[in-house]
C-alpha atoms as a PDB file:
ATOM      1  CA  MET A   1       0.000   0.000   0.000  1.00  0.00           C
ATOM      2  CA  ALA A   2       2.743   2.446   0.942  1.00  0.00           C
ATOM      3  CA  SER A   3       4.682   1.744  -2.263  1.00  0.00           C
ATOM      4  CA  ARG A   4       1.534   2.354  -4.356  1.00  0.00           C
ATOM      5  CA  LEU A   5       0.994   5.654  -2.540  1.00  0.00           C
ATOM      6  CA  LEU A   6       4.640   6.620  -3.100  1.00  0.00           C
ATOM      7  CA  LEU A   7       4.314   5.820  -6.812  1.00  0.00           C
ATOM      8  CA  ALA A   8       1.176   7.955  -7.041  1.00  0.00           C
ATOM      9  CA  VAL A   9       2.795  10.925  -5.294  1.00  0.00           C
ATOM     10  CA  VAL A  10       5.948  10.717  -7.425  1.00  0.00           C
ATOM     11  CA  ALA A  11       3.852  10.462 -10.603  1.00  0.00           C
ATOM     12  CA  ILE A  12       1.766  13.512  -9.663  1.00  0.00           C
ATOM     13  CA  VAL A  13       4.860  15.575  -8.810  1.00  0.00           C
ATOM     14  CA  THR A  14       6.591  14.475 -12.037  1.00  0.00           C
ATOM     15  CA  VAL A  15       3.598  15.430 -14.170  1.00  0.00           C
ATOM     16  CA  PHE A  16       3.314  18.772 -12.368  1.00  0.00           C
ATOM     17  CA  VAL A  17       6.992  19.568 -12.959  1.00  0.00           C
ATOM     18  CA  ALA A  18       6.738  18.465 -16.595  1.00  0.00           C
ATOM     19  CA  ALA A  19       3.687  20.667 -17.099  1.00  0.00           C
ATOM     20  CA  THR A  20       5.272  23.741 -15.544  1.00  0.00           C
ATOM     21  CA  VAL A  21       8.896  23.529 -16.729  1.00  0.00           C
ATOM     22  CA  PRO A  22       9.434  23.939 -20.491  1.00  0.00           C
ATOM     23  CA  GLY A  23      11.329  21.120 -22.182  1.00  0.00           C
ATOM     24  CA  VAL A  24      10.911  18.573 -19.360  1.00  0.00           C
ATOM     25  CA  THR A  25       9.603  15.141 -20.334  1.00  0.00           C
ATOM     26  CA  ALA A  26       7.501  13.288 -17.760  1.00  0.00           C
ATOM     27  CA  TYR A  27       8.699   9.858 -16.691  1.00  0.00           C
ATOM     28  CA  VAL A  28       8.868   8.150 -13.353  1.00  0.00           C
ATOM     29  CA  VAL A  29      11.977   6.612 -11.797  1.00  0.00           C
ATOM     30  CA  ILE A  30      11.587   4.546  -8.633  1.00  0.00           C
ATOM     31  CA  LYS A  31      14.512   2.758  -6.951  1.00  0.00           C
ATOM     32  CA  GLY A  32      16.530   2.650 -10.171  1.00  0.00           C
ATOM     33  CA  TRP A  33      13.638   1.549 -12.433  1.00  0.00           C
ATOM     34  CA  ARG A  34      12.111   3.770 -15.135  1.00  0.00           C
ATOM     35  CA  HIS A  35       8.446   3.363 -16.038  1.00  0.00           C
ATOM     36  CA  ILE A  36       7.846   2.246 -19.638  1.00  0.00           C
ATOM     37  CA  GLN A  37       5.112   4.541 -20.928  1.00  0.00           C
ATOM     38  CA  ASN A  38       3.785   2.479 -23.855  1.00  0.00           C
ATOM     39  CA  ILE A  39       2.644  -0.770 -22.240  1.00  0.00           C
ATOM     40  CA  SER A  40       0.295  -1.393 -25.164  1.00  0.00           C
ATOM     41  CA  ASP A  41       3.407  -2.006 -27.304  1.00  0.00           C
ATOM     42  CA  PRO A  42       2.983  -5.544 -28.713  1.00  0.00           C
ATOM     43  CA  ASN A  43       6.546  -6.405 -27.605  1.00  0.00           C
ATOM     44  CA  ILE A  44       5.748  -5.580 -23.962  1.00  0.00           C
ATOM     45  CA  GLN A  45       2.475  -7.531 -24.054  1.00  0.00           C
ATOM     46  CA  GLU A  46       4.247 -10.478 -25.716  1.00  0.00           C
ATOM     47  CA  LEU A  47       6.857 -10.510 -22.928  1.00  0.00           C
ATOM     48  CA  GLY A  48       4.038 -10.762 -20.391  1.00  0.00           C
ATOM     49  CA  GLN A  49       2.458 -13.638 -22.316  1.00  0.00           C
ATOM     50  CA  TRP A  50       5.853 -15.349 -22.491  1.00  0.00           C
ATOM     51  CA  ALA A  51       6.376 -14.970 -18.711  1.00  0.00           C
ATOM     52  CA  VAL A  52       3.003 -16.608 -18.031  1.00  0.00           C
ATOM     53  CA  THR A  53       3.782 -19.426 -20.483  1.00  0.00           C
ATOM     54  CA  GLU A  54       7.134 -20.079 -18.780  1.00  0.00           C
ATOM     55  CA  THR A  55       5.440 -20.135 -15.376  1.00  0.00           C
ATOM     56  CA  ASN A  56       2.861 -22.616 -16.668  1.00  0.00           C
ATOM     57  CA  LYS A  57       5.695 -24.930 -17.765  1.00  0.00           C
ATOM     58  CA  VAL A  58       6.942 -25.051 -14.170  1.00  0.00           C
ATOM     59  CA  SER A  59       3.470 -25.439 -12.608  1.00  0.00           C
ATOM     60  CA  PRO A  60       1.313 -27.309 -15.159  1.00  0.00           C
ATOM     61  CA  SER A  61      -1.215 -28.376 -12.520  1.00  0.00           C
ATOM     62  CA  SER A  62      -2.130 -24.761 -11.784  1.00  0.00           C
ATOM     63  CA  LEU A  63      -2.261 -23.041 -15.187  1.00  0.00           C
ATOM     64  CA  LEU A  64      -2.564 -19.285 -15.579  1.00  0.00           C
ATOM     65  CA  THR A  65      -4.328 -17.508 -18.441  1.00  0.00           C
ATOM     66  CA  PHE A  66      -2.599 -14.288 -19.502  1.00  0.00           C
ATOM     67  CA  SER A  67      -4.786 -11.183 -19.660  1.00  0.00           C
ATOM     68  CA  LYS A  68      -2.458  -8.178 -20.038  1.00  0.00           C
ATOM     69  CA  VAL A  69       0.603  -6.332 -18.806  1.00  0.00           C
ATOM     70  CA  THR A  70      -0.657  -3.488 -16.627  1.00  0.00           C
ATOM     71  CA  SER A  71       2.681  -1.783 -15.957  1.00  0.00           C
ATOM     72  CA  ALA A  72       6.261  -2.186 -17.158  1.00  0.00           C
ATOM     73  CA  TRP A  73       9.605  -0.950 -15.902  1.00  0.00           C
ATOM     74  CA  LYS A  74      13.207  -1.007 -17.150  1.00  0.00           C
ATOM     75  CA  PRO A  75      16.407  -0.141 -15.291  1.00  0.00           C
ATOM     76  CA  GLU A  76      17.405   3.494 -15.204  1.00  0.00           C
ATOM     77  CA  LEU A  77      20.934   2.366 -16.079  1.00  0.00           C
ATOM     78  CA  HIS A  78      21.266   0.878 -19.548  1.00  0.00           C
ATOM     79  CA  PHE A  79      23.119  -2.327 -20.306  1.00  0.00           C
ATOM     80  CA  GLU A  80      24.510  -2.853 -23.800  1.00  0.00           C
ATOM     81  CA  THR A  81      23.180  -6.319 -24.638  1.00  0.00           C
ATOM     82  CA  THR A  82      21.047  -7.358 -21.677  1.00  0.00           C
ATOM     83  CA  LYS A  83      17.690  -5.735 -21.060  1.00  0.00           C
ATOM     84  CA  TYR A  84      15.989  -6.291 -17.726  1.00  0.00           C
ATOM     85  CA  ARG A  85      12.228  -5.826 -17.496  1.00  0.00           C
ATOM     86  CA  LEU A  86       9.906  -5.738 -14.512  1.00  0.00           C
ATOM     87  CA  LEU A  87       6.300  -6.377 -15.532  1.00  0.00           C
ATOM     88  CA  LEU A  88       3.064  -6.233 -13.582  1.00  0.00           C
ATOM     89  CA  ILE A  89       0.728  -8.760 -15.174  1.00  0.00           C
ATOM     90  CA  ASP A  90      -2.952  -9.605 -14.849  1.00  0.00           C
ATOM     91  CA  ALA A  91      -3.593 -13.322 -15.281  1.00  0.00           C
ATOM     92  CA  SER A  92      -6.413 -15.600 -14.203  1.00  0.00           C
ATOM     93  CA  ARG A  93      -6.384 -19.005 -12.556  1.00  0.00           C
ATOM     94  CA  SER A  94      -9.642 -20.962 -12.546  1.00  0.00           C
ATOM     95  CA  GLY A  95     -11.491 -17.851 -13.714  1.00  0.00           C
ATOM     96  CA  VAL A  96     -10.190 -15.625 -10.896  1.00  0.00           C
ATOM     97  CA  MET A  97      -7.999 -12.673 -11.885  1.00  0.00           C
ATOM     98  CA  HIS A  98      -4.761 -12.112  -9.951  1.00  0.00           C
ATOM     99  CA  ASN A  99      -1.849  -9.685 -10.211  1.00  0.00           C
ATOM    100  CA  TYR A 100       1.691 -10.942 -10.734  1.00  0.00           C
ATOM    101  CA  GLU A 101       5.137  -9.389 -10.855  1.00  0.00           C
ATOM    102  CA  ALA A 102       7.615 -10.842 -13.353  1.00  0.00           C
ATOM    103  CA  LEU A 103      11.317 -10.029 -13.527  1.00  0.00           C
ATOM    104  CA  LEU A 104      13.038 -11.110 -16.723  1.00  0.00           C
ATOM    105  CA  ILE A 105      16.111 -10.655 -18.862  1.00  0.00           C
ATOM    106  CA  VAL A 106      15.808 -10.136 -22.612  1.00  0.00           C
ATOM    107  CA  GLU A 107      18.985 -10.457 -24.662  1.00  0.00           C
ATOM    108  CA  ASN A 108      17.199 -10.730 -28.017  1.00  0.00           C
ATOM    109  CA  ALA A 109      13.916 -12.071 -29.410  1.00  0.00           C
ATOM    110  CA  HIS A 110      15.036 -15.677 -28.839  1.00  0.00           C
ATOM    111  CA  THR A 111      17.091 -15.410 -25.642  1.00  0.00           C
ATOM    112  CA  ARG A 112      15.092 -14.681 -22.529  1.00  0.00           C
ATOM    113  CA  LYS A 113      15.194 -15.778 -18.929  1.00  0.00           C
ATOM    114  CA  LEU A 114      12.469 -15.481 -16.315  1.00  0.00           C
ATOM    115  CA  LEU A 115      14.155 -14.587 -13.019  1.00  0.00           C
ATOM    116  CA  SER A 116      11.028 -14.475 -10.858  1.00  0.00           C
ATOM    117  CA  PHE A 117       7.253 -14.641 -11.123  1.00  0.00           C
ATOM    118  CA  GLU A 118       5.309 -13.901  -7.953  1.00  0.00           C
ATOM    119  CA  GLY A 119       1.889 -12.854  -6.799  1.00  0.00           C
ATOM    120  CA  HIS A 120       1.740  -9.081  -6.462  1.00  0.00           C
ATOM    121  CA  HIS A 121      -0.187  -7.735  -3.492  1.00  0.00           C
ATOM    122  CA  ILE A 122      -1.730  -4.281  -3.709  1.00  0.00           C
END
């Protein structure tokens, strides 16, 4: 709850500064992660689908159905070949929607690794 409130306050302050200072672009950085603005990008949504598919391979008795990526983050610091992504994902299990947090590495379209996939509590 506190982290959600912090995110909301930072977002409001960032938008206010961007609206009042010429030439400033609004984006949010929290603990070294930068918010990815265009989560409707097919590549971001496909990464979320891939993370759910990988999780289903590990737990086939409790399958998840991907719905959508609701938020995406990348490190503030850039790495040349390795791209880390933190995704907040909506997925359902037995018809009940849940929120999940996936941390993954993307080296290219064919080389990915899911580092963690956990329930995300609001």
